[in-house]
Amino acid sequence: MGKIKLSISSPDGKTQSLEVEGLNAQLFVSKKIGDEVEGTALGLQGAKLQITGGSDKDGFPMRSDVYGGVKKPILMSGGVGFKAGGEGKRRRKIVRGNVITDDIVQVNLKVLKK
């Protein structure tokens, strides 16, 4: 397992960036979007973190409605990974599933409580 860059958003609107590797990175493998992790392994004592998304090594974003750790094309009309330019516009785009695998290099988290 390589390095994972963590982007941690706090309730007051500030974002903290951390880079983890080794056992701390293994903590996130096989977790899904929406799962909660303890912040004590990352140096955030007493914090509970929720996974909100991420992206893989090629830059494809993770979506919560694509199941598994696969990369697949889906037809989108908006949401994560596609910004529709008007009403009724749809496009087939490649996105990553909702499970964190070894190919994920960046994970977005938010602080639930401290």
PDB file of N, CA and C in Angstrom:
ATOM      1  N   MET A   1       0.859  -1.181   0.000  1.00  0.00           N
ATOM      2  CA  MET A   1       0.000   0.000   0.000  1.00  0.00           C
ATOM      3  C   MET A   1       0.886   1.219   0.000  1.00  0.00           C
ATOM      4  N   GLY A   2       0.570   2.157  -0.859  1.00  0.00           N
ATOM      5  CA  GLY A   2       1.334   3.381  -0.948  1.00  0.00           C
ATOM      6  C   GLY A   2       0.817   4.443  -0.006  1.00  0.00           C
ATOM      7  N   LYS A   3       1.062   5.674  -0.376  1.00  0.00           N
ATOM      8  CA  LYS A   3       0.628   6.808   0.437  1.00  0.00           C
ATOM      9  C   LYS A   3      -0.808   7.188   0.087  1.00  0.00           C
ATOM     10  N   ILE A   4      -1.512   7.700   1.084  1.00  0.00           N
ATOM     11  CA  ILE A   4      -2.848   8.246   0.877  1.00  0.00           C
ATOM     12  C   ILE A   4      -2.848   9.657   1.418  1.00  0.00           C
ATOM     13  N   LYS A   5      -3.335  10.596   0.615  1.00  0.00           N
ATOM     14  CA  LYS A   5      -3.463  11.978   1.052  1.00  0.00           C
ATOM     15  C   LYS A   5      -4.865  12.160   1.614  1.00  0.00           C
ATOM     16  N   LEU A   6      -4.955  12.675   2.830  1.00  0.00           N
ATOM     17  CA  LEU A   6      -6.236  12.888   3.488  1.00  0.00           C
ATOM     18  C   LEU A   6      -6.563  14.376   3.500  1.00  0.00           C
ATOM     19  N   SER A   7      -7.770  14.704   3.135  1.00  0.00           N
ATOM     20  CA  SER A   7      -8.273  16.067   3.199  1.00  0.00           C
ATOM     21  C   SER A   7      -9.390  16.077   4.233  1.00  0.00           C
ATOM     22  N   ILE A   8      -9.115  16.660   5.405  1.00  0.00           N
ATOM     23  CA  ILE A   8     -10.036  16.605   6.538  1.00  0.00           C
ATOM     24  C   ILE A   8     -10.703  17.963   6.718  1.00  0.00           C
ATOM     25  N   SER A   9     -12.018  18.012   6.568  1.00  0.00           N
ATOM     26  CA  SER A   9     -12.786  19.246   6.720  1.00  0.00           C
ATOM     27  C   SER A   9     -13.394  19.302   8.105  1.00  0.00           C
ATOM     28  N   SER A  10     -13.230  20.441   8.771  1.00  0.00           N
ATOM     29  CA  SER A  10     -13.801  20.616  10.100  1.00  0.00           C
ATOM     30  C   SER A  10     -15.117  21.388   9.997  1.00  0.00           C
ATOM     31  N   PRO A  11     -15.945  21.354  11.036  1.00  0.00           N
ATOM     32  CA  PRO A  11     -17.245  22.040  10.984  1.00  0.00           C
ATOM     33  C   PRO A  11     -17.141  23.557  10.817  1.00  0.00           C
ATOM     34  N   ASP A  12     -16.009  24.150  11.200  1.00  0.00           N
ATOM     35  CA  ASP A  12     -15.877  25.608  11.066  1.00  0.00           C
ATOM     36  C   ASP A  12     -15.412  26.031   9.673  1.00  0.00           C
ATOM     37  N   GLY A  13     -15.290  25.079   8.730  1.00  0.00           N
ATOM     38  CA  GLY A  13     -14.978  25.406   7.352  1.00  0.00           C
ATOM     39  C   GLY A  13     -13.509  25.321   6.982  1.00  0.00           C
ATOM     40  N   LYS A  14     -12.662  24.954   7.901  1.00  0.00           N
ATOM     41  CA  LYS A  14     -11.239  24.848   7.617  1.00  0.00           C
ATOM     42  C   LYS A  14     -10.902  23.425   7.196  1.00  0.00           C
ATOM     43  N   THR A  15      -9.902  23.294   6.330  1.00  0.00           N
ATOM     44  CA  THR A  15      -9.486  21.997   5.826  1.00  0.00           C
ATOM     45  C   THR A  15      -8.037  21.749   6.195  1.00  0.00           C
ATOM     46  N   GLN A  16      -7.773  20.549   6.661  1.00  0.00           N
ATOM     47  CA  GLN A  16      -6.421  20.140   7.038  1.00  0.00           C
ATOM     48  C   GLN A  16      -6.003  19.010   6.107  1.00  0.00           C
ATOM     49  N   SER A  17      -4.761  19.038   5.650  1.00  0.00           N
ATOM     50  CA  SER A  17      -4.262  18.012   4.755  1.00  0.00           C
ATOM     51  C   SER A  17      -3.197  17.185   5.461  1.00  0.00           C
ATOM     52  N   LEU A  18      -3.337  15.870   5.392  1.00  0.00           N
ATOM     53  CA  LEU A  18      -2.373  14.933   5.977  1.00  0.00           C
ATOM     54  C   LEU A  18      -1.994  13.900   4.930  1.00  0.00           C
ATOM     55  N   GLU A  19      -0.797  13.331   5.076  1.00  0.00           N
ATOM     56  CA  GLU A  19      -0.390  12.239   4.214  1.00  0.00           C
ATOM     57  C   GLU A  19      -0.008  11.060   5.102  1.00  0.00           C
ATOM     58  N   VAL A  20      -0.634   9.911   4.862  1.00  0.00           N
ATOM     59  CA  VAL A  20      -0.382   8.735   5.684  1.00  0.00           C
ATOM     60  C   VAL A  20       0.102   7.597   4.793  1.00  0.00           C
ATOM     61  N   GLU A  21       0.842   6.663   5.403  1.00  0.00           N
ATOM     62  CA  GLU A  21       1.285   5.470   4.688  1.00  0.00           C
ATOM     63  C   GLU A  21       1.433   4.324   5.681  1.00  0.00           C
ATOM     64  N   GLY A  22       1.602   3.145   5.185  1.00  0.00           N
ATOM     65  CA  GLY A  22       1.793   1.982   6.042  1.00  0.00           C
ATOM     66  C   GLY A  22       0.511   1.548   6.727  1.00  0.00           C
ATOM     67  N   LEU A  23       0.610   1.303   8.033  1.00  0.00           N
ATOM     68  CA  LEU A  23      -0.546   0.811   8.790  1.00  0.00           C
ATOM     69  C   LEU A  23      -1.669   1.836   8.865  1.00  0.00           C
ATOM     70  N   ASN A  24      -1.324   3.128   8.923  1.00  0.00           N
ATOM     71  CA  ASN A  24      -2.368   4.158   8.959  1.00  0.00           C
ATOM     72  C   ASN A  24      -3.135   4.210   7.642  1.00  0.00           C
ATOM     73  N   ALA A  25      -2.481   3.909   6.530  1.00  0.00           N
ATOM     74  CA  ALA A  25      -3.165   3.869   5.243  1.00  0.00           C
ATOM     75  C   ALA A  25      -4.038   2.619   5.139  1.00  0.00           C
ATOM     76  N   GLN A  26      -3.588   1.508   5.734  1.00  0.00           N
ATOM     77  CA  GLN A  26      -4.373   0.280   5.712  1.00  0.00           C
ATOM     78  C   GLN A  26      -5.684   0.414   6.489  1.00  0.00           C
ATOM     79  N   LEU A  27      -5.741   1.391   7.387  1.00  0.00           N
ATOM     80  CA  LEU A  27      -6.960   1.652   8.156  1.00  0.00           C
ATOM     81  C   LEU A  27      -8.132   1.996   7.229  1.00  0.00           C
ATOM     82  N   PHE A  28      -7.849   2.602   6.064  1.00  0.00           N
ATOM     83  CA  PHE A  28      -8.897   3.054   5.156  1.00  0.00           C
ATOM     84  C   PHE A  28      -9.264   2.037   4.081  1.00  0.00           C
ATOM     85  N   VAL A  29      -8.410   1.060   3.823  1.00  0.00           N
ATOM     86  CA  VAL A  29      -8.681   0.087   2.762  1.00  0.00           C
ATOM     87  C   VAL A  29      -9.906  -0.753   3.139  1.00  0.00           C
ATOM     88  N   SER A  30     -10.775  -0.945   2.177  1.00  0.00           N
ATOM     89  CA  SER A  30     -12.046  -1.682   2.252  1.00  0.00           C
ATOM     90  C   SER A  30     -13.132  -0.925   3.024  1.00  0.00           C
ATOM     91  N   LYS A  31     -12.905   0.342   3.358  1.00  0.00           N
ATOM     92  CA  LYS A  31     -13.974   1.178   3.921  1.00  0.00           C
ATOM     93  C   LYS A  31     -14.758   1.784   2.766  1.00  0.00           C
ATOM     94  N   LYS A  32     -16.017   2.145   3.034  1.00  0.00           N
ATOM     95  CA  LYS A  32     -16.890   2.721   2.021  1.00  0.00           C
ATOM     96  C   LYS A  32     -17.168   4.188   2.318  1.00  0.00           C
ATOM     97  N   ILE A  33     -17.679   4.883   1.338  1.00  0.00           N
ATOM     98  CA  ILE A  33     -18.120   6.260   1.536  1.00  0.00           C
ATOM     99  C   ILE A  33     -19.272   6.233   2.531  1.00  0.00           C
ATOM    100  N   GLY A  34     -19.188   7.066   3.556  1.00  0.00           N
ATOM    101  CA  GLY A  34     -20.194   7.114   4.602  1.00  0.00           C
ATOM    102  C   GLY A  34     -19.768   6.408   5.875  1.00  0.00           C
ATOM    103  N   ASP A  35     -18.736   5.572   5.809  1.00  0.00           N
ATOM    104  CA  ASP A  35     -18.240   4.886   7.000  1.00  0.00           C
ATOM    105  C   ASP A  35     -17.516   5.871   7.912  1.00  0.00           C
ATOM    106  N   GLU A  36     -17.484   5.533   9.193  1.00  0.00           N
ATOM    107  CA  GLU A  36     -16.818   6.382  10.180  1.00  0.00           C
ATOM    108  C   GLU A  36     -15.544   5.702  10.664  1.00  0.00           C
ATOM    109  N   VAL A  37     -14.495   6.516  10.895  1.00  0.00           N
ATOM    110  CA  VAL A  37     -13.230   6.025  11.426  1.00  0.00           C
ATOM    111  C   VAL A  37     -12.837   6.896  12.607  1.00  0.00           C
ATOM    112  N   GLU A  38     -12.031   6.323  13.489  1.00  0.00           N
ATOM    113  CA  GLU A  38     -11.530   7.064  14.649  1.00  0.00           C
ATOM    114  C   GLU A  38     -10.331   7.906  14.227  1.00  0.00           C
ATOM    115  N   GLY A  39     -10.230   9.094  14.759  1.00  0.00           N
ATOM    116  CA  GLY A  39      -9.135   9.990  14.419  1.00  0.00           C
ATOM    117  C   GLY A  39      -7.904   9.810  15.266  1.00  0.00           C
ATOM    118  N   THR A  40      -7.943   8.926  16.251  1.00  0.00           N
ATOM    119  CA  THR A  40      -6.794   8.754  17.147  1.00  0.00           C
ATOM    120  C   THR A  40      -5.585   8.203  16.409  1.00  0.00           C
ATOM    121  N   ALA A  41      -5.784   7.363  15.388  1.00  0.00           N
ATOM    122  CA  ALA A  41      -4.660   6.822  14.623  1.00  0.00           C
ATOM    123  C   ALA A  41      -3.995   7.896  13.774  1.00  0.00           C
ATOM    124  N   LEU A  42      -4.705   8.990  13.512  1.00  0.00           N
ATOM    125  CA  LEU A  42      -4.175  10.076  12.690  1.00  0.00           C
ATOM    126  C   LEU A  42      -3.680  11.244  13.514  1.00  0.00           C
ATOM    127  N   GLY A  43      -3.719  11.119  14.825  1.00  0.00           N
ATOM    128  CA  GLY A  43      -3.270  12.201  15.686  1.00  0.00           C
ATOM    129  C   GLY A  43      -4.359  13.175  16.077  1.00  0.00           C
ATOM    130  N   LEU A  44      -5.596  12.872  15.766  1.00  0.00           N
ATOM    131  CA  LEU A  44      -6.731  13.732  16.133  1.00  0.00           C
ATOM    132  C   LEU A  44      -7.451  13.069  17.292  1.00  0.00           C
ATOM    133  N   GLN A  45      -7.033  13.369  18.490  1.00  0.00           N
ATOM    134  CA  GLN A  45      -7.545  12.697  19.684  1.00  0.00           C
ATOM    135  C   GLN A  45      -9.026  12.998  19.898  1.00  0.00           C
ATOM    136  N   GLY A  46      -9.817  11.955  20.051  1.00  0.00           N
ATOM    137  CA  GLY A  46     -11.236  12.090  20.341  1.00  0.00           C
ATOM    138  C   GLY A  46     -12.100  12.486  19.167  1.00  0.00           C
ATOM    139  N   ALA A  47     -11.548  12.551  17.966  1.00  0.00           N
ATOM    140  CA  ALA A  47     -12.329  12.961  16.801  1.00  0.00           C
ATOM    141  C   ALA A  47     -12.886  11.738  16.083  1.00  0.00           C
ATOM    142  N   LYS A  48     -14.094  11.873  15.578  1.00  0.00           N
ATOM    143  CA  LYS A  48     -14.722  10.840  14.765  1.00  0.00           C
ATOM    144  C   LYS A  48     -14.827  11.426  13.354  1.00  0.00           C
ATOM    145  N   LEU A  49     -14.333  10.686  12.367  1.00  0.00           N
ATOM    146  CA  LEU A  49     -14.280  11.171  10.988  1.00  0.00           C
ATOM    147  C   LEU A  49     -15.183  10.332  10.097  1.00  0.00           C
ATOM    148  N   GLN A  50     -15.825  10.981   9.137  1.00  0.00           N
ATOM    149  CA  GLN A  50     -16.676  10.282   8.177  1.00  0.00           C
ATOM    150  C   GLN A  50     -16.073  10.428   6.788  1.00  0.00           C
ATOM    151  N   ILE A  51     -16.012   9.339   6.039  1.00  0.00           N
ATOM    152  CA  ILE A  51     -15.484   9.349   4.678  1.00  0.00           C
ATOM    153  C   ILE A  51     -16.547   9.925   3.754  1.00  0.00           C
ATOM    154  N   THR A  52     -16.182  10.966   2.989  1.00  0.00           N
ATOM    155  CA  THR A  52     -17.140  11.615   2.101  1.00  0.00           C
ATOM    156  C   THR A  52     -16.819  11.431   0.626  1.00  0.00           C
ATOM    157  N   GLY A  53     -15.628  10.936   0.294  1.00  0.00           N
ATOM    158  CA  GLY A  53     -15.284  10.730  -1.107  1.00  0.00           C
ATOM    159  C   GLY A  53     -13.792  10.561  -1.290  1.00  0.00           C
ATOM    160  N   GLY A  54     -13.336  10.739  -2.527  1.00  0.00           N
ATOM    161  CA  GLY A  54     -11.928  10.619  -2.840  1.00  0.00           C
ATOM    162  C   GLY A  54     -11.716  10.485  -4.328  1.00  0.00           C
ATOM    163  N   SER A  55     -10.470  10.200  -4.711  1.00  0.00           N
ATOM    164  CA  SER A  55     -10.153   9.992  -6.117  1.00  0.00           C
ATOM    165  C   SER A  55      -9.018   8.978  -6.238  1.00  0.00           C
ATOM    166  N   ASP A  56      -8.926   8.375  -7.426  1.00  0.00           N
ATOM    167  CA  ASP A  56      -7.920   7.329  -7.618  1.00  0.00           C
ATOM    168  C   ASP A  56      -6.662   7.901  -8.250  1.00  0.00           C
ATOM    169  N   LYS A  57      -5.718   7.026  -8.587  1.00  0.00           N
ATOM    170  CA  LYS A  57      -4.420   7.449  -9.098  1.00  0.00           C
ATOM    171  C   LYS A  57      -4.508   8.135 -10.456  1.00  0.00           C
ATOM    172  N   ASP A  58      -5.582   7.901 -11.200  1.00  0.00           N
ATOM    173  CA  ASP A  58      -5.764   8.529 -12.502  1.00  0.00           C
ATOM    174  C   ASP A  58      -6.636   9.776 -12.439  1.00  0.00           C
ATOM    175  N   GLY A  59      -7.132  10.122 -11.249  1.00  0.00           N
ATOM    176  CA  GLY A  59      -7.928  11.324 -11.074  1.00  0.00           C
ATOM    177  C   GLY A  59      -9.429  11.119 -11.164  1.00  0.00           C
ATOM    178  N   PHE A  60      -9.883   9.882 -11.309  1.00  0.00           N
ATOM    179  CA  PHE A  60     -11.316   9.626 -11.393  1.00  0.00           C
ATOM    180  C   PHE A  60     -11.934   9.712  -9.998  1.00  0.00           C
ATOM    181  N   PRO A  61     -13.051  10.429  -9.853  1.00  0.00           N
ATOM    182  CA  PRO A  61     -13.657  10.593  -8.529  1.00  0.00           C
ATOM    183  C   PRO A  61     -14.435   9.361  -8.087  1.00  0.00           C
ATOM    184  N   MET A  62     -14.575   9.211  -6.769  1.00  0.00           N
ATOM    185  CA  MET A  62     -15.391   8.141  -6.197  1.00  0.00           C
ATOM    186  C   MET A  62     -16.832   8.627  -6.118  1.00  0.00           C
ATOM    187  N   ARG A  63     -17.772   7.724  -6.389  1.00  0.00           N
ATOM    188  CA  ARG A  63     -19.195   8.039  -6.248  1.00  0.00           C
ATOM    189  C   ARG A  63     -19.830   7.042  -5.311  1.00  0.00           C
ATOM    190  N   SER A  64     -20.748   7.536  -4.490  1.00  0.00           N
ATOM    191  CA  SER A  64     -21.375   6.681  -3.491  1.00  0.00           C
ATOM    192  C   SER A  64     -22.415   5.734  -4.084  1.00  0.00           C
ATOM    193  N   ASP A  65     -22.901   6.010  -5.289  1.00  0.00           N
ATOM    194  CA  ASP A  65     -23.932   5.155  -5.878  1.00  0.00           C
ATOM    195  C   ASP A  65     -23.369   4.080  -6.816  1.00  0.00           C
ATOM    196  N   VAL A  66     -22.041   4.011  -6.967  1.00  0.00           N
ATOM    197  CA  VAL A  66     -21.395   2.951  -7.740  1.00  0.00           C
ATOM    198  C   VAL A  66     -20.773   1.995  -6.735  1.00  0.00           C
ATOM    199  N   TYR A  67     -21.244   0.750  -6.699  1.00  0.00           N
ATOM    200  CA  TYR A  67     -20.852  -0.185  -5.655  1.00  0.00           C
ATOM    201  C   TYR A  67     -19.571  -0.922  -6.000  1.00  0.00           C
ATOM    202  N   GLY A  68     -18.751  -1.154  -4.983  1.00  0.00           N
ATOM    203  CA  GLY A  68     -17.505  -1.885  -5.140  1.00  0.00           C
ATOM    204  C   GLY A  68     -16.329  -0.946  -5.360  1.00  0.00           C
ATOM    205  N   GLY A  69     -15.194  -1.532  -5.653  1.00  0.00           N
ATOM    206  CA  GLY A  69     -13.982  -0.752  -5.877  1.00  0.00           C
ATOM    207  C   GLY A  69     -13.619  -0.661  -7.340  1.00  0.00           C
ATOM    208  N   VAL A  70     -14.600  -0.753  -8.216  1.00  0.00           N
ATOM    209  CA  VAL A  70     -14.364  -0.813  -9.653  1.00  0.00           C
ATOM    210  C   VAL A  70     -14.368   0.573 -10.292  1.00  0.00           C
ATOM    211  N   LYS A  71     -13.788   0.627 -11.477  1.00  0.00           N
ATOM    212  CA  LYS A  71     -13.857   1.828 -12.300  1.00  0.00           C
ATOM    213  C   LYS A  71     -14.782   1.498 -13.460  1.00  0.00           C
ATOM    214  N   LYS A  72     -15.862   2.263 -13.627  1.00  0.00           N
ATOM    215  CA  LYS A  72     -16.806   1.932 -14.685  1.00  0.00           C
ATOM    216  C   LYS A  72     -17.462   3.187 -15.230  1.00  0.00           C
ATOM    217  N   PRO A  73     -17.883   3.145 -16.489  1.00  0.00           N
ATOM    218  CA  PRO A  73     -18.594   4.284 -17.076  1.00  0.00           C
ATOM    219  C   PRO A  73     -20.074   4.245 -16.699  1.00  0.00           C
ATOM    220  N   ILE A  74     -20.596   5.395 -16.291  1.00  0.00           N
ATOM    221  CA  ILE A  74     -22.026   5.491 -15.994  1.00  0.00           C
ATOM    222  C   ILE A  74     -22.585   6.719 -16.700  1.00  0.00           C
ATOM    223  N   LEU A  75     -23.871   6.681 -16.985  1.00  0.00           N
ATOM    224  CA  LEU A  75     -24.552   7.802 -17.621  1.00  0.00           C
ATOM    225  C   LEU A  75     -24.988   8.776 -16.535  1.00  0.00           C
ATOM    226  N   MET A  76     -24.474  10.020 -16.601  1.00  0.00           N
ATOM    227  CA  MET A  76     -24.741  10.998 -15.540  1.00  0.00           C
ATOM    228  C   MET A  76     -25.424  12.232 -16.107  1.00  0.00           C
ATOM    229  N   SER A  77     -26.273  12.809 -15.273  1.00  0.00           N
ATOM    230  CA  SER A  77     -26.894  14.081 -15.615  1.00  0.00           C
ATOM    231  C   SER A  77     -26.487  15.163 -14.627  1.00  0.00           C
ATOM    232  N   GLY A  78     -25.586  14.837 -13.718  1.00  0.00           N
ATOM    233  CA  GLY A  78     -25.087  15.788 -12.727  1.00  0.00           C
ATOM    234  C   GLY A  78     -24.537  15.052 -11.530  1.00  0.00           C
ATOM    235  N   GLY A  79     -24.023  15.795 -10.581  1.00  0.00           N
ATOM    236  CA  GLY A  79     -23.476  15.187  -9.380  1.00  0.00           C
ATOM    237  C   GLY A  79     -21.967  15.138  -9.407  1.00  0.00           C
ATOM    238  N   VAL A  80     -21.403  14.256  -8.598  1.00  0.00           N
ATOM    239  CA  VAL A  80     -19.957  14.139  -8.485  1.00  0.00           C
ATOM    240  C   VAL A  80     -19.381  13.598  -9.786  1.00  0.00           C
ATOM    241  N   GLY A  81     -18.430  14.329 -10.381  1.00  0.00           N
ATOM    242  CA  GLY A  81     -17.769  13.874 -11.595  1.00  0.00           C
ATOM    243  C   GLY A  81     -18.304  14.472 -12.885  1.00  0.00           C
ATOM    244  N   PHE A  82     -19.428  15.184 -12.834  1.00  0.00           N
ATOM    245  CA  PHE A  82     -19.983  15.783 -14.042  1.00  0.00           C
ATOM    246  C   PHE A  82     -20.848  16.979 -13.691  1.00  0.00           C
ATOM    247  N   LYS A  83     -20.565  18.083 -14.341  1.00  0.00           N
ATOM    248  CA  LYS A  83     -21.362  19.295 -14.151  1.00  0.00           C
ATOM    249  C   LYS A  83     -22.127  19.535 -15.450  1.00  0.00           C
ATOM    250  N   ALA A  84     -23.425  19.321 -15.420  1.00  0.00           N
ATOM    251  CA  ALA A  84     -24.254  19.474 -16.610  1.00  0.00           C
ATOM    252  C   ALA A  84     -24.321  20.939 -17.009  1.00  0.00           C
ATOM    253  N   GLY A  85     -24.206  21.194 -18.297  1.00  0.00           N
ATOM    254  CA  GLY A  85     -24.221  22.558 -18.805  1.00  0.00           C
ATOM    255  C   GLY A  85     -25.618  23.091 -19.053  1.00  0.00           C
ATOM    256  N   GLY A  86     -26.620  22.358 -18.777  1.00  0.00           N
ATOM    257  CA  GLY A  86     -27.993  22.786 -18.986  1.00  0.00           C
ATOM    258  C   GLY A  86     -28.948  21.668 -18.655  1.00  0.00           C
ATOM    259  N   GLU A  87     -30.218  21.968 -18.746  1.00  0.00           N
ATOM    260  CA  GLU A  87     -31.217  20.978 -18.394  1.00  0.00           C
ATOM    261  C   GLU A  87     -31.309  19.898 -19.467  1.00  0.00           C
ATOM    262  N   GLY A  88     -31.345  18.641 -19.046  1.00  0.00           N
ATOM    263  CA  GLY A  88     -31.485  17.532 -19.963  1.00  0.00           C
ATOM    264  C   GLY A  88     -30.190  17.008 -20.545  1.00  0.00           C
ATOM    265  N   LYS A  89     -29.054  17.606 -20.201  1.00  0.00           N
ATOM    266  CA  LYS A  89     -27.779  17.128 -20.738  1.00  0.00           C
ATOM    267  C   LYS A  89     -27.273  15.966 -19.913  1.00  0.00           C
ATOM    268  N   ARG A  90     -26.865  14.921 -20.623  1.00  0.00           N
ATOM    269  CA  ARG A  90     -26.320  13.741 -19.962  1.00  0.00           C
ATOM    270  C   ARG A  90     -25.053  13.327 -20.697  1.00  0.00           C
ATOM    271  N   ARG A  91     -24.179  12.663 -19.978  1.00  0.00           N
ATOM    272  CA  ARG A  91     -22.934  12.205 -20.570  1.00  0.00           C
ATOM    273  C   ARG A  91     -22.467  10.951 -19.849  1.00  0.00           C
ATOM    274  N   ARG A  92     -21.831  10.066 -20.598  1.00  0.00           N
ATOM    275  CA  ARG A  92     -21.256   8.865 -20.006  1.00  0.00           C
ATOM    276  C   ARG A  92     -19.837   9.197 -19.566  1.00  0.00           C
ATOM    277  N   LYS A  93     -19.566   9.061 -18.257  1.00  0.00           N
ATOM    278  CA  LYS A  93     -18.264   9.380 -17.688  1.00  0.00           C
ATOM    279  C   LYS A  93     -17.774   8.195 -16.862  1.00  0.00           C
ATOM    280  N   ILE A  94     -16.460   8.083 -16.743  1.00  0.00           N
ATOM    281  CA  ILE A  94     -15.864   7.014 -15.943  1.00  0.00           C
ATOM    282  C   ILE A  94     -15.682   7.521 -14.519  1.00  0.00           C
ATOM    283  N   VAL A  95     -16.142   6.734 -13.560  1.00  0.00           N
ATOM    284  CA  VAL A  95     -16.001   7.055 -12.142  1.00  0.00           C
ATOM    285  C   VAL A  95     -15.545   5.810 -11.395  1.00  0.00           C
ATOM    286  N   ARG A  96     -15.118   6.002 -10.167  1.00  0.00           N
ATOM    287  CA  ARG A  96     -14.653   4.920  -9.303  1.00  0.00           C
ATOM    288  C   ARG A  96     -15.775   4.579  -8.328  1.00  0.00           C
ATOM    289  N   GLY A  97     -15.821   3.349  -7.853  1.00  0.00           N
ATOM    290  CA  GLY A  97     -16.846   2.893  -6.924  1.00  0.00           C
ATOM    291  C   GLY A  97     -16.669   3.465  -5.530  1.00  0.00           C
ATOM    292  N   ASN A  98     -17.542   3.060  -4.610  1.00  0.00           N
ATOM    293  CA  ASN A  98     -17.587   3.661  -3.283  1.00  0.00           C
ATOM    294  C   ASN A  98     -16.697   2.983  -2.252  1.00  0.00           C
ATOM    295  N   VAL A  99     -15.900   1.979  -2.639  1.00  0.00           N
ATOM    296  CA  VAL A  99     -15.022   1.271  -1.714  1.00  0.00           C
ATOM    297  C   VAL A  99     -13.582   1.714  -1.945  1.00  0.00           C
ATOM    298  N   ILE A 100     -12.862   1.991  -0.869  1.00  0.00           N
ATOM    299  CA  ILE A 100     -11.462   2.409  -0.965  1.00  0.00           C
ATOM    300  C   ILE A 100     -10.596   1.175  -1.203  1.00  0.00           C
ATOM    301  N   THR A 101      -9.819   1.211  -2.285  1.00  0.00           N
ATOM    302  CA  THR A 101      -8.908   0.120  -2.636  1.00  0.00           C
ATOM    303  C   THR A 101      -7.478   0.660  -2.663  1.00  0.00           C
ATOM    304  N   ASP A 102      -6.543  -0.170  -3.119  1.00  0.00           N
ATOM    305  CA  ASP A 102      -5.143   0.256  -3.212  1.00  0.00           C
ATOM    306  C   ASP A 102      -4.930   1.324  -4.277  1.00  0.00           C
ATOM    307  N   ASP A 103      -5.865   1.479  -5.219  1.00  0.00           N
ATOM    308  CA  ASP A 103      -5.727   2.469  -6.281  1.00  0.00           C
ATOM    309  C   ASP A 103      -6.121   3.876  -5.847  1.00  0.00           C
ATOM    310  N   ILE A 104      -6.763   4.020  -4.703  1.00  0.00           N
ATOM    311  CA  ILE A 104      -7.194   5.324  -4.216  1.00  0.00           C
ATOM    312  C   ILE A 104      -5.985   6.050  -3.611  1.00  0.00           C
ATOM    313  N   VAL A 105      -5.768   7.305  -4.032  1.00  0.00           N
ATOM    314  CA  VAL A 105      -4.633   8.072  -3.509  1.00  0.00           C
ATOM    315  C   VAL A 105      -5.068   9.268  -2.672  1.00  0.00           C
ATOM    316  N   GLN A 106      -6.333   9.649  -2.746  1.00  0.00           N
ATOM    317  CA  GLN A 106      -6.798  10.802  -1.993  1.00  0.00           C
ATOM    318  C   GLN A 106      -8.180  10.497  -1.413  1.00  0.00           C
ATOM    319  N   VAL A 107      -8.352  10.749  -0.111  1.00  0.00           N
ATOM    320  CA  VAL A 107      -9.602  10.481   0.587  1.00  0.00           C
ATOM    321  C   VAL A 107     -10.070  11.762   1.257  1.00  0.00           C
ATOM    322  N   ASN A 108     -11.346  12.093   1.073  1.00  0.00           N
ATOM    323  CA  ASN A 108     -11.949  13.257   1.721  1.00  0.00           C
ATOM    324  C   ASN A 108     -12.674  12.786   2.981  1.00  0.00           C
ATOM    325  N   LEU A 109     -12.480  13.519   4.069  1.00  0.00           N
ATOM    326  CA  LEU A 109     -13.089  13.190   5.356  1.00  0.00           C
ATOM    327  C   LEU A 109     -13.706  14.446   5.948  1.00  0.00           C
ATOM    328  N   LYS A 110     -14.702  14.260   6.815  1.00  0.00           N
ATOM    329  CA  LYS A 110     -15.216  15.389   7.578  1.00  0.00           C
ATOM    330  C   LYS A 110     -15.283  14.995   9.045  1.00  0.00           C
ATOM    331  N   VAL A 111     -15.053  15.985   9.907  1.00  0.00           N
ATOM    332  CA  VAL A 111     -15.068  15.758  11.354  1.00  0.00           C
ATOM    333  C   VAL A 111     -16.511  15.775  11.817  1.00  0.00           C
ATOM    334  N   LEU A 112     -16.933  14.698  12.479  1.00  0.00           N
ATOM    335  CA  LEU A 112     -18.292  14.642  13.028  1.00  0.00           C
ATOM    336  C   LEU A 112     -18.370  15.236  14.419  1.00  0.00           C
ATOM    337  N   LYS A 113     -17.412  14.896  15.286  1.00  0.00           N
ATOM    338  CA  LYS A 113     -17.380  15.474  16.624  1.00  0.00           C
ATOM    339  C   LYS A 113     -15.977  15.373  17.176  1.00  0.00           C
ATOM    340  N   LYS A 114     -15.695  16.237  18.101  1.00  0.00           N
ATOM    341  CA  LYS A 114     -14.374  16.224  18.747  1.00  0.00           C
ATOM    342  C   LYS A 114     -14.498  15.987  20.201  1.00  0.00           C
TER     343      LYS A 114
END
